[in-house]
């Protein structure tokens, strides 16, 4: 009985490690995007040749950046999600943004924090940042900084 419990505990622990490492393998940030990753994101979101990704987050689990991503460039903020061959891309150039709201959910276990992007035309969308509070505030502050610099440059 004792050996069976140890065996099941070992198997459970091993599975948990495997699952968490599989998710980590798909984590992408601006610092570890390969040329192939960037090409995928550029095609998916129709980025201009002069756009540079400044910050990037994905919280899409096993499929990682191939399923979803949230990022800011030197020209805009954008989010994309691909599921069952359906692609949704939402973005706003900085001159199209009216305001940006921080939706901090870092204390919640099952919810991701986000930046809510309010556009001049009344539409809005969210950039999800499923990270610790430091990364969330870095993302928010950098987005505000670039928006303030670029909003008058259509």
N, C-alpha and C. Protein backbone atom coordinates (compact mmCIF):
# COMPACT_ATOMS: atom_id res chain seq x y z
N UNK A 1 0.83 -1.20 0.00
CA UNK A 1 0.00 0.00 0.00
C UNK A 1 0.87 1.27 0.00
N UNK A 2 1.91 1.26 0.86
CA UNK A 2 2.79 2.41 0.95
C UNK A 2 3.55 2.62 -0.35
N UNK A 3 4.01 1.53 -0.97
CA UNK A 3 4.74 1.62 -2.23
C UNK A 3 3.84 2.11 -3.35
N UNK A 4 2.59 1.69 -3.35
CA UNK A 4 1.64 2.14 -4.36
C UNK A 4 1.42 3.64 -4.26
N UNK A 5 1.28 4.14 -3.04
CA UNK A 5 1.10 5.58 -2.84
C UNK A 5 2.32 6.34 -3.33
N UNK A 6 3.52 5.86 -3.01
CA UNK A 6 4.75 6.51 -3.46
C UNK A 6 4.84 6.51 -4.98
N UNK A 7 4.46 5.40 -5.59
CA UNK A 7 4.50 5.29 -7.04
C UNK A 7 3.54 6.30 -7.68
N UNK A 8 2.31 6.37 -7.17
CA UNK A 8 1.32 7.32 -7.70
C UNK A 8 1.75 8.77 -7.46
N UNK A 9 2.35 9.03 -6.32
CA UNK A 9 2.84 10.38 -6.04
C UNK A 9 3.97 10.73 -7.02
N UNK A 10 4.86 9.79 -7.28
CA UNK A 10 5.96 10.02 -8.23
C UNK A 10 5.42 10.29 -9.63
N UNK A 11 4.45 9.48 -10.07
CA UNK A 11 3.86 9.65 -11.41
C UNK A 11 3.16 11.01 -11.50
N UNK A 12 2.41 11.36 -10.47
CA UNK A 12 1.70 12.65 -10.47
C UNK A 12 2.68 13.82 -10.54
N UNK A 13 3.74 13.75 -9.76
CA UNK A 13 4.75 14.79 -9.75
C UNK A 13 5.43 14.90 -11.11
N UNK A 14 5.76 13.76 -11.70
CA UNK A 14 6.41 13.73 -13.01
C UNK A 14 5.50 14.34 -14.07
N UNK A 15 4.22 13.99 -14.05
CA UNK A 15 3.26 14.57 -15.00
C UNK A 15 3.14 16.08 -14.83
N UNK A 16 3.09 16.53 -13.60
CA UNK A 16 3.00 17.96 -13.33
C UNK A 16 4.22 18.70 -13.87
N UNK A 17 5.40 18.14 -13.66
CA UNK A 17 6.62 18.76 -14.20
C UNK A 17 6.60 18.78 -15.72
N UNK A 18 6.17 17.69 -16.32
CA UNK A 18 6.12 17.60 -17.77
C UNK A 18 5.16 18.63 -18.35
N UNK A 19 3.98 18.74 -17.76
CA UNK A 19 2.98 19.70 -18.24
C UNK A 19 3.49 21.13 -18.09
N UNK A 20 4.07 21.46 -16.95
CA UNK A 20 4.54 22.83 -16.75
C UNK A 20 5.71 23.14 -17.67
N UNK A 21 6.59 22.17 -17.92
CA UNK A 21 7.71 22.44 -18.83
C UNK A 21 7.22 22.54 -20.26
N UNK A 22 6.18 21.80 -20.64
CA UNK A 22 5.63 21.90 -21.99
C UNK A 22 5.04 23.29 -22.22
N UNK A 23 4.39 23.83 -21.22
CA UNK A 23 3.85 25.20 -21.36
C UNK A 23 4.99 26.21 -21.43
N UNK A 24 6.03 26.03 -20.62
CA UNK A 24 7.16 26.96 -20.62
C UNK A 24 7.89 26.94 -21.95
N UNK A 25 7.93 25.81 -22.64
CA UNK A 25 8.62 25.73 -23.92
C UNK A 25 7.97 26.64 -24.95
N UNK A 26 6.69 26.92 -24.79
CA UNK A 26 5.97 27.75 -25.75
C UNK A 26 5.89 29.21 -25.32
N UNK A 27 6.41 29.53 -24.14
CA UNK A 27 6.40 30.92 -23.69
C UNK A 27 7.31 31.74 -24.59
N UNK A 28 6.79 32.83 -25.04
CA UNK A 28 7.59 33.73 -25.86
C UNK A 28 7.45 35.14 -25.30
N UNK A 29 8.56 35.82 -25.28
CA UNK A 29 8.63 37.21 -24.90
C UNK A 29 9.42 37.92 -25.98
N UNK A 30 9.46 39.22 -25.95
CA UNK A 30 10.20 39.95 -26.98
C UNK A 30 11.67 39.53 -27.02
N UNK A 31 12.21 39.10 -25.90
CA UNK A 31 13.63 38.75 -25.83
C UNK A 31 13.97 37.38 -26.42
N UNK A 32 12.98 36.50 -26.59
CA UNK A 32 13.30 35.17 -27.11
C UNK A 32 12.51 34.81 -28.38
N UNK A 33 12.03 35.81 -29.09
CA UNK A 33 11.36 35.56 -30.37
C UNK A 33 12.43 35.31 -31.44
N UNK A 34 12.33 34.18 -32.10
CA UNK A 34 13.27 33.86 -33.17
C UNK A 34 12.82 34.56 -34.46
N UNK A 35 13.67 34.49 -35.47
CA UNK A 35 13.31 35.08 -36.77
C UNK A 35 12.05 34.41 -37.32
N UNK A 36 11.93 33.11 -37.11
CA UNK A 36 10.74 32.37 -37.55
C UNK A 36 9.49 32.83 -36.79
N UNK A 37 9.63 33.04 -35.48
CA UNK A 37 8.52 33.55 -34.66
C UNK A 37 8.07 34.92 -35.16
N UNK A 38 9.04 35.79 -35.38
CA UNK A 38 8.72 37.15 -35.86
C UNK A 38 8.04 37.13 -37.21
N UNK A 39 8.48 36.24 -38.10
CA UNK A 39 7.86 36.12 -39.42
C UNK A 39 6.41 35.68 -39.28
N UNK A 40 6.14 34.71 -38.38
CA UNK A 40 4.77 34.25 -38.15
C UNK A 40 3.90 35.40 -37.65
N UNK A 41 4.39 36.16 -36.67
CA UNK A 41 3.62 37.27 -36.10
C UNK A 41 3.41 38.37 -37.14
N UNK A 42 4.44 38.68 -37.92
CA UNK A 42 4.32 39.70 -38.96
C UNK A 42 3.25 39.33 -39.98
N UNK A 43 3.22 38.06 -40.40
CA UNK A 43 2.21 37.62 -41.37
C UNK A 43 0.83 37.57 -40.74
N UNK A 44 0.75 37.07 -39.52
CA UNK A 44 -0.55 36.94 -38.85
C UNK A 44 -1.21 38.29 -38.62
N UNK A 45 -0.42 39.27 -38.23
CA UNK A 45 -0.97 40.58 -37.86
C UNK A 45 -0.73 41.66 -38.91
N UNK A 46 -0.20 41.27 -40.06
CA UNK A 46 0.02 42.21 -41.16
C UNK A 46 0.84 43.42 -40.72
N UNK A 47 1.97 43.14 -40.05
CA UNK A 47 2.83 44.22 -39.58
C UNK A 47 3.56 44.86 -40.75
N UNK A 48 3.80 46.15 -40.64
CA UNK A 48 4.58 46.88 -41.63
C UNK A 48 6.05 46.53 -41.47
N UNK A 49 6.81 46.70 -42.54
CA UNK A 49 8.24 46.38 -42.51
C UNK A 49 9.01 47.24 -41.51
N UNK A 50 8.51 48.44 -41.26
CA UNK A 50 9.22 49.33 -40.33
C UNK A 50 8.73 49.20 -38.88
N UNK A 51 7.90 48.19 -38.60
CA UNK A 51 7.43 47.96 -37.23
C UNK A 51 8.36 47.04 -36.48
N UNK A 52 8.66 47.41 -35.27
CA UNK A 52 9.51 46.63 -34.39
C UNK A 52 8.73 46.27 -33.13
N UNK A 53 8.71 44.99 -32.77
CA UNK A 53 8.04 44.57 -31.54
C UNK A 53 8.89 45.01 -30.36
N UNK A 54 8.27 45.77 -29.46
CA UNK A 54 8.95 46.26 -28.26
C UNK A 54 8.72 45.31 -27.09
N UNK A 55 7.46 44.94 -26.86
CA UNK A 55 7.10 43.99 -25.81
C UNK A 55 6.14 42.96 -26.38
N UNK A 56 6.27 41.71 -25.94
CA UNK A 56 5.42 40.63 -26.44
C UNK A 56 5.10 39.67 -25.31
N UNK A 57 3.85 39.22 -25.24
CA UNK A 57 3.39 38.23 -24.26
C UNK A 57 2.48 37.24 -24.96
N UNK A 58 2.57 36.00 -24.56
CA UNK A 58 1.58 35.01 -24.98
C UNK A 58 1.12 34.24 -23.76
N UNK A 59 -0.14 33.97 -23.69
CA UNK A 59 -0.68 33.15 -22.61
C UNK A 59 -1.59 32.09 -23.22
N UNK A 60 -1.13 31.52 -24.32
CA UNK A 60 -1.96 30.59 -25.08
C UNK A 60 -1.68 29.12 -24.75
N UNK A 61 -0.96 28.84 -23.68
CA UNK A 61 -0.75 27.45 -23.26
C UNK A 61 0.14 26.67 -24.19
N UNK A 62 -0.26 25.44 -24.49
CA UNK A 62 0.58 24.52 -25.26
C UNK A 62 0.95 25.03 -26.64
N UNK A 63 0.04 25.76 -27.29
CA UNK A 63 0.32 26.23 -28.65
C UNK A 63 1.10 27.54 -28.66
N UNK A 64 1.19 28.20 -27.54
CA UNK A 64 1.99 29.40 -27.42
C UNK A 64 1.67 30.47 -28.44
N UNK A 65 2.72 31.12 -28.95
CA UNK A 65 2.54 32.25 -29.86
C UNK A 65 1.85 31.85 -31.16
N UNK A 66 1.79 30.56 -31.48
CA UNK A 66 1.09 30.11 -32.70
C UNK A 66 -0.42 30.21 -32.52
N UNK A 67 -0.88 30.33 -31.27
CA UNK A 67 -2.32 30.46 -31.03
C UNK A 67 -2.70 31.87 -30.62
N UNK A 68 -1.84 32.56 -29.88
CA UNK A 68 -2.22 33.89 -29.45
C UNK A 68 -1.05 34.70 -28.97
N UNK A 69 -1.19 36.02 -29.07
CA UNK A 69 -0.15 36.91 -28.61
C UNK A 69 -0.68 38.31 -28.40
N UNK A 70 0.04 39.06 -27.58
CA UNK A 70 -0.29 40.44 -27.24
C UNK A 70 1.00 41.22 -27.27
N UNK A 71 1.01 42.35 -27.97
CA UNK A 71 2.27 43.05 -28.10
C UNK A 71 2.09 44.52 -28.42
N UNK A 72 3.20 45.25 -28.23
CA UNK A 72 3.26 46.63 -28.66
C UNK A 72 4.45 46.75 -29.61
N UNK A 73 4.29 47.60 -30.60
CA UNK A 73 5.37 47.90 -31.53
C UNK A 73 5.66 49.40 -31.44
N UNK A 74 6.55 49.85 -32.27
CA UNK A 74 6.82 51.28 -32.34
C UNK A 74 5.69 52.04 -33.04
N UNK A 75 4.69 51.31 -33.61
CA UNK A 75 3.59 51.94 -34.35
C UNK A 75 2.20 51.70 -33.75
N UNK A 76 2.03 50.57 -33.01
CA UNK A 76 0.69 50.21 -32.54
C UNK A 76 0.74 49.19 -31.41
N UNK A 77 -0.46 48.92 -30.86
CA UNK A 77 -0.66 47.83 -29.92
C UNK A 77 -1.54 46.80 -30.64
N UNK A 78 -1.33 45.52 -30.34
CA UNK A 78 -2.09 44.50 -31.06
C UNK A 78 -2.24 43.23 -30.22
N UNK A 79 -3.29 42.50 -30.55
CA UNK A 79 -3.55 41.19 -29.95
C UNK A 79 -4.09 40.28 -31.04
N UNK A 80 -3.77 39.00 -30.95
CA UNK A 80 -4.31 38.04 -31.91
C UNK A 80 -4.60 36.72 -31.21
N UNK A 81 -5.58 36.00 -31.77
CA UNK A 81 -5.98 34.69 -31.25
C UNK A 81 -6.39 33.83 -32.44
N UNK A 82 -5.87 32.62 -32.51
CA UNK A 82 -6.19 31.69 -33.59
C UNK A 82 -6.72 30.40 -32.98
N UNK A 83 -7.93 30.04 -33.39
CA UNK A 83 -8.53 28.82 -32.87
C UNK A 83 -9.42 28.21 -33.95
N UNK A 84 -9.25 26.92 -34.18
CA UNK A 84 -10.04 26.21 -35.20
C UNK A 84 -9.97 26.91 -36.55
N UNK A 85 -8.79 27.34 -36.94
CA UNK A 85 -8.55 28.03 -38.22
C UNK A 85 -9.25 29.38 -38.33
N UNK A 86 -9.76 29.90 -37.24
CA UNK A 86 -10.34 31.24 -37.21
C UNK A 86 -9.36 32.17 -36.54
N UNK A 87 -9.04 33.26 -37.22
CA UNK A 87 -8.06 34.22 -36.71
C UNK A 87 -8.75 35.52 -36.36
N UNK A 88 -8.46 36.02 -35.16
CA UNK A 88 -8.95 37.33 -34.73
C UNK A 88 -7.74 38.20 -34.42
N UNK A 89 -7.65 39.32 -35.07
CA UNK A 89 -6.58 40.28 -34.82
C UNK A 89 -7.23 41.63 -34.51
N UNK A 90 -6.84 42.21 -33.40
CA UNK A 90 -7.32 43.54 -33.04
C UNK A 90 -6.08 44.40 -32.79
N UNK A 91 -6.11 45.60 -33.32
CA UNK A 91 -4.97 46.49 -33.10
C UNK A 91 -5.41 47.94 -33.20
N UNK A 92 -4.55 48.79 -32.72
CA UNK A 92 -4.78 50.24 -32.82
C UNK A 92 -3.44 50.92 -32.97
N UNK A 93 -3.34 51.76 -34.01
CA UNK A 93 -2.18 52.63 -34.12
C UNK A 93 -2.29 53.65 -33.00
N UNK A 94 -1.17 54.17 -32.57
CA UNK A 94 -1.18 55.06 -31.41
C UNK A 94 -2.06 56.29 -31.60
N UNK A 95 -2.14 56.82 -32.81
CA UNK A 95 -2.99 58.00 -33.03
C UNK A 95 -4.49 57.65 -32.99
N UNK A 96 -4.83 56.36 -33.00
CA UNK A 96 -6.22 55.92 -32.91
C UNK A 96 -6.68 55.66 -31.48
N UNK A 97 -5.76 55.76 -30.52
CA UNK A 97 -6.07 55.42 -29.12
C UNK A 97 -6.54 56.65 -28.36
N UNK A 98 -7.67 56.50 -27.68
CA UNK A 98 -8.21 57.54 -26.82
C UNK A 98 -7.64 57.42 -25.40
N UNK A 99 -7.64 56.19 -24.87
CA UNK A 99 -7.13 55.98 -23.51
C UNK A 99 -6.77 54.51 -23.31
N UNK A 100 -6.01 54.27 -22.25
CA UNK A 100 -5.55 52.91 -21.92
C UNK A 100 -5.80 52.70 -20.43
N UNK A 101 -6.49 51.61 -20.11
CA UNK A 101 -6.83 51.30 -18.73
C UNK A 101 -6.10 50.03 -18.30
N UNK A 102 -5.52 50.04 -17.12
CA UNK A 102 -4.88 48.86 -16.55
C UNK A 102 -5.92 48.06 -15.79
N UNK A 103 -6.05 46.78 -16.12
CA UNK A 103 -6.98 45.88 -15.45
C UNK A 103 -6.13 44.84 -14.72
N UNK A 104 -5.76 45.15 -13.48
CA UNK A 104 -4.82 44.33 -12.71
C UNK A 104 -5.52 43.15 -12.04
N UNK A 105 -5.19 41.95 -12.48
CA UNK A 105 -5.75 40.72 -11.90
C UNK A 105 -4.61 39.82 -11.37
N UNK A 106 -3.46 40.42 -11.03
CA UNK A 106 -2.31 39.61 -10.64
C UNK A 106 -2.58 38.75 -9.40
N UNK A 107 -3.52 39.14 -8.56
CA UNK A 107 -3.85 38.33 -7.38
C UNK A 107 -4.82 37.20 -7.68
N UNK A 108 -5.43 37.20 -8.85
CA UNK A 108 -6.41 36.17 -9.20
C UNK A 108 -5.70 34.93 -9.74
N UNK A 109 -6.20 33.78 -9.38
CA UNK A 109 -5.58 32.53 -9.80
C UNK A 109 -5.92 32.19 -11.25
N UNK A 110 -7.13 32.45 -11.68
CA UNK A 110 -7.58 31.99 -12.99
C UNK A 110 -7.75 33.09 -14.03
N UNK A 111 -7.51 34.33 -13.68
CA UNK A 111 -7.72 35.42 -14.62
C UNK A 111 -6.41 36.10 -14.97
N UNK A 112 -6.28 36.51 -16.21
CA UNK A 112 -5.09 37.25 -16.65
C UNK A 112 -5.36 38.75 -16.55
N UNK A 113 -4.35 39.48 -16.20
CA UNK A 113 -4.44 40.94 -16.22
C UNK A 113 -4.47 41.42 -17.66
N UNK A 114 -4.87 42.66 -17.85
CA UNK A 114 -4.94 43.16 -19.23
C UNK A 114 -4.79 44.68 -19.26
N UNK A 115 -4.50 45.15 -20.45
CA UNK A 115 -4.58 46.57 -20.77
C UNK A 115 -5.79 46.71 -21.67
N UNK A 116 -6.73 47.55 -21.28
CA UNK A 116 -7.90 47.79 -22.12
C UNK A 116 -7.58 49.00 -22.97
N UNK A 117 -7.63 48.80 -24.29
CA UNK A 117 -7.31 49.86 -25.25
C UNK A 117 -8.62 50.45 -25.76
N UNK A 118 -8.87 51.71 -25.45
CA UNK A 118 -10.06 52.41 -25.92
C UNK A 118 -9.65 53.25 -27.14
N UNK A 119 -10.35 53.00 -28.24
CA UNK A 119 -10.03 53.70 -29.48
C UNK A 119 -10.92 54.93 -29.65
N UNK A 120 -10.46 55.85 -30.48
CA UNK A 120 -11.21 57.09 -30.75
C UNK A 120 -12.58 56.83 -31.36
N UNK A 121 -12.75 55.70 -32.05
CA UNK A 121 -14.03 55.39 -32.70
C UNK A 121 -15.03 54.71 -31.76
N UNK A 122 -14.70 54.60 -30.47
CA UNK A 122 -15.61 54.02 -29.49
C UNK A 122 -15.40 52.52 -29.27
N UNK A 123 -14.62 51.87 -30.10
CA UNK A 123 -14.34 50.44 -29.93
C UNK A 123 -13.22 50.25 -28.91
N UNK A 124 -13.15 49.04 -28.36
CA UNK A 124 -12.08 48.73 -27.43
C UNK A 124 -11.70 47.25 -27.56
N UNK A 125 -10.53 46.92 -27.07
CA UNK A 125 -10.08 45.53 -27.00
C UNK A 125 -9.06 45.43 -25.87
N UNK A 126 -8.70 44.18 -25.52
CA UNK A 126 -7.78 43.95 -24.42
C UNK A 126 -6.50 43.27 -24.89
N UNK A 127 -5.39 43.70 -24.31
CA UNK A 127 -4.11 43.02 -24.43
C UNK A 127 -3.91 42.28 -23.12
N UNK A 128 -3.84 40.96 -23.16
CA UNK A 128 -3.71 40.17 -21.95
C UNK A 128 -2.24 39.97 -21.60
N UNK A 129 -1.93 40.23 -20.34
CA UNK A 129 -0.57 40.07 -19.83
C UNK A 129 -0.66 39.16 -18.60
N UNK A 130 -0.46 37.88 -18.83
CA UNK A 130 -0.56 36.89 -17.75
C UNK A 130 0.81 36.73 -17.13
N UNK A 131 1.16 37.68 -16.27
CA UNK A 131 2.50 37.71 -15.69
C UNK A 131 2.43 38.29 -14.28
N UNK A 132 3.58 38.36 -13.65
CA UNK A 132 3.62 38.95 -12.32
C UNK A 132 3.41 40.47 -12.42
N UNK A 133 3.23 41.09 -11.27
CA UNK A 133 2.89 42.52 -11.27
C UNK A 133 4.01 43.38 -11.85
N UNK A 134 5.25 42.99 -11.69
CA UNK A 134 6.36 43.77 -12.25
C UNK A 134 6.28 43.81 -13.76
N UNK A 135 6.09 42.64 -14.37
CA UNK A 135 5.99 42.55 -15.83
C UNK A 135 4.74 43.30 -16.31
N UNK A 136 3.63 43.15 -15.60
CA UNK A 136 2.40 43.85 -15.97
C UNK A 136 2.62 45.37 -15.99
N UNK A 137 3.21 45.91 -14.93
CA UNK A 137 3.43 47.35 -14.87
C UNK A 137 4.48 47.80 -15.89
N UNK A 138 5.48 46.96 -16.16
CA UNK A 138 6.44 47.28 -17.22
C UNK A 138 5.72 47.41 -18.56
N UNK A 139 4.82 46.46 -18.83
CA UNK A 139 4.05 46.46 -20.07
C UNK A 139 3.17 47.71 -20.14
N UNK A 140 2.45 48.00 -19.07
CA UNK A 140 1.56 49.16 -19.03
C UNK A 140 2.36 50.47 -19.20
N UNK A 141 3.41 50.63 -18.42
CA UNK A 141 4.19 51.88 -18.47
C UNK A 141 4.83 52.09 -19.83
N UNK A 142 5.36 51.03 -20.43
CA UNK A 142 5.99 51.16 -21.75
C UNK A 142 4.93 51.51 -22.81
N UNK A 143 3.76 50.90 -22.70
CA UNK A 143 2.68 51.20 -23.65
C UNK A 143 2.27 52.66 -23.55
N UNK A 144 2.12 53.15 -22.33
CA UNK A 144 1.77 54.56 -22.12
C UNK A 144 2.87 55.46 -22.67
N UNK A 145 4.11 55.12 -22.38
CA UNK A 145 5.25 55.93 -22.84
C UNK A 145 5.29 56.04 -24.36
N UNK A 146 5.17 54.91 -25.05
CA UNK A 146 5.24 54.93 -26.52
C UNK A 146 4.00 55.62 -27.09
N UNK A 147 2.84 55.38 -26.51
CA UNK A 147 1.62 56.06 -26.97
C UNK A 147 1.77 57.58 -26.85
N UNK A 148 2.27 58.06 -25.73
CA UNK A 148 2.45 59.50 -25.54
C UNK A 148 3.44 60.08 -26.57
N UNK A 149 4.46 59.32 -26.90
CA UNK A 149 5.46 59.78 -27.88
C UNK A 149 4.92 59.76 -29.30
N UNK A 150 4.11 58.76 -29.63
CA UNK A 150 3.74 58.50 -31.02
C UNK A 150 2.32 58.90 -31.41
N UNK A 151 1.47 59.29 -30.46
CA UNK A 151 0.06 59.51 -30.78
C UNK A 151 -0.19 60.65 -31.76
N UNK A 152 0.72 61.53 -31.92
CA UNK A 152 0.56 62.63 -32.87
C UNK A 152 1.27 62.38 -34.20
N UNK A 153 1.69 61.13 -34.43
CA UNK A 153 2.41 60.76 -35.66
C UNK A 153 1.63 59.69 -36.43
N UNK A 154 0.59 60.10 -37.17
CA UNK A 154 -0.21 59.08 -37.91
C UNK A 154 0.57 58.40 -39.01
